[in-house]
Amino acid sequence: MRLIIEGEYFAECVRALGGYRAVDLALETVIEALAQNPYGFHLIENDWCKIRYARTNMIEGYIPPLIVAFTITDDNDVVLQWVEVADEAEAR
């Protein structure tokens, strides 16, 4: 069974967004998808890093679009690295 693990800075990022209650609905959807197929998300890879990310849409008019960045370990576990509000210009 695949584990979903919070990385070193993930909780700090969630706190900066208002805490888990503020973004739980958006994160819940992403985490469910990551448990099923984390390889189905966008990949950024270069000489220095290999990271995947998920982007959410605005939810119920009060949870802004989020970017959730994560890595996948050799054991296929998912490590949530950070979460941030998506850039408004990117949404266009």
Protein backbone atom coordinates (compact mmCIF):
# COMPACT_ATOMS: atom_id res chain seq x y z
CA MET A 1 0.00 0.00 0.00
CA ARG A 2 1.29 3.44 -0.97
CA LEU A 3 1.93 5.90 1.87
CA ILE A 4 1.25 9.63 1.60
CA ILE A 5 3.84 11.39 3.77
CA GLU A 6 4.22 15.06 4.63
CA GLY A 7 7.68 16.41 3.85
CA GLU A 8 9.68 18.67 6.11
CA TYR A 9 8.05 21.96 5.01
CA PHE A 10 4.53 20.84 4.06
CA ALA A 11 2.84 21.58 7.41
CA GLU A 12 4.46 25.04 7.46
CA CYS A 13 3.04 25.75 3.98
CA VAL A 14 -0.43 24.63 5.08
CA ARG A 15 -0.24 26.90 8.13
CA ALA A 16 0.67 29.83 5.86
CA LEU A 17 -2.52 29.15 3.87
CA GLY A 18 -4.67 29.29 7.00
CA GLY A 19 -4.30 25.76 8.35
CA TYR A 20 -5.68 22.38 7.43
CA ARG A 21 -9.30 23.41 7.96
CA ALA A 22 -8.87 26.14 5.36
CA VAL A 23 -7.53 23.85 2.61
CA ASP A 24 -8.59 20.36 3.68
CA LEU A 25 -11.25 19.94 0.99
CA ALA A 26 -8.75 20.71 -1.80
CA LEU A 27 -5.99 18.57 -0.27
CA GLU A 28 -8.36 15.64 0.30
CA THR A 29 -9.13 15.44 -3.41
CA VAL A 30 -5.46 15.59 -4.39
CA ILE A 31 -4.41 13.01 -1.80
CA GLU A 32 -7.06 10.55 -3.01
CA ALA A 33 -5.74 10.90 -6.56
CA LEU A 34 -2.12 10.54 -5.41
CA ALA A 35 -2.95 7.31 -3.60
CA GLN A 36 -4.32 5.89 -6.87
CA ASN A 37 -1.81 7.09 -9.48
CA PRO A 38 0.85 9.65 -8.55
CA TYR A 39 2.60 9.10 -11.89
CA GLY A 40 -0.36 10.66 -13.72
CA PHE A 41 0.56 14.20 -12.64
CA HIS A 42 2.80 16.77 -14.34
CA LEU A 43 6.54 16.17 -13.97
CA ILE A 44 9.30 18.77 -13.80
CA GLU A 45 12.70 17.19 -14.22
CA ASN A 46 16.14 18.63 -14.79
CA ASP A 47 19.72 18.11 -13.60
CA TRP A 48 18.87 19.37 -10.11
CA CYS A 49 15.40 18.10 -9.29
CA LYS A 50 12.60 15.74 -10.18
CA ILE A 51 9.25 16.83 -8.80
CA ARG A 52 5.62 16.38 -9.74
CA TYR A 53 2.72 18.68 -9.03
CA ALA A 54 -1.05 18.80 -8.93
CA ARG A 55 -3.13 21.92 -9.47
CA THR A 56 -6.58 22.34 -7.98
CA ASN A 57 -9.38 24.64 -9.11
CA MET A 58 -11.12 27.13 -6.84
CA ILE A 59 -13.47 25.23 -4.53
CA GLU A 60 -16.81 26.61 -3.38
CA GLY A 61 -15.66 30.18 -3.93
CA TYR A 62 -13.38 30.32 -0.90
CA ILE A 63 -10.51 27.84 -1.34
CA PRO A 64 -8.20 29.36 -3.97
CA PRO A 65 -6.55 27.24 -6.67
CA LEU A 66 -3.56 25.45 -5.16
CA ILE A 67 -0.36 23.87 -6.42
CA VAL A 68 0.67 20.76 -4.47
CA ALA A 69 4.25 19.66 -5.18
CA PHE A 70 5.36 16.12 -4.35
CA THR A 71 8.01 13.50 -4.98
CA ILE A 72 7.74 9.73 -5.27
CA THR A 73 10.18 7.54 -3.35
CA ASP A 74 11.79 4.35 -4.64
CA ASP A 75 9.15 2.47 -2.62
CA ASN A 76 6.39 4.35 -4.54
CA ASP A 77 5.38 6.34 -1.48
CA VAL A 78 4.37 9.97 -2.06
CA VAL A 79 6.09 12.78 -0.15
CA LEU A 80 4.13 16.03 -0.11
CA GLN A 81 6.80 18.72 -0.39
CA TRP A 82 4.88 22.00 -0.41
CA VAL A 83 1.57 23.65 -1.23
CA GLU A 84 0.94 27.21 -2.36
CA VAL A 85 -1.72 29.36 -3.97
CA ALA A 86 -1.56 29.03 -7.76
CA ASP A 87 -0.59 32.14 -9.65
CA GLU A 88 -3.70 33.88 -10.99
CA ALA A 89 -1.99 34.57 -14.34
CA GLU A 90 -1.33 30.85 -14.74
CA ALA A 91 -5.06 30.09 -14.57
CA ARG A 92 -5.75 31.99 -17.81
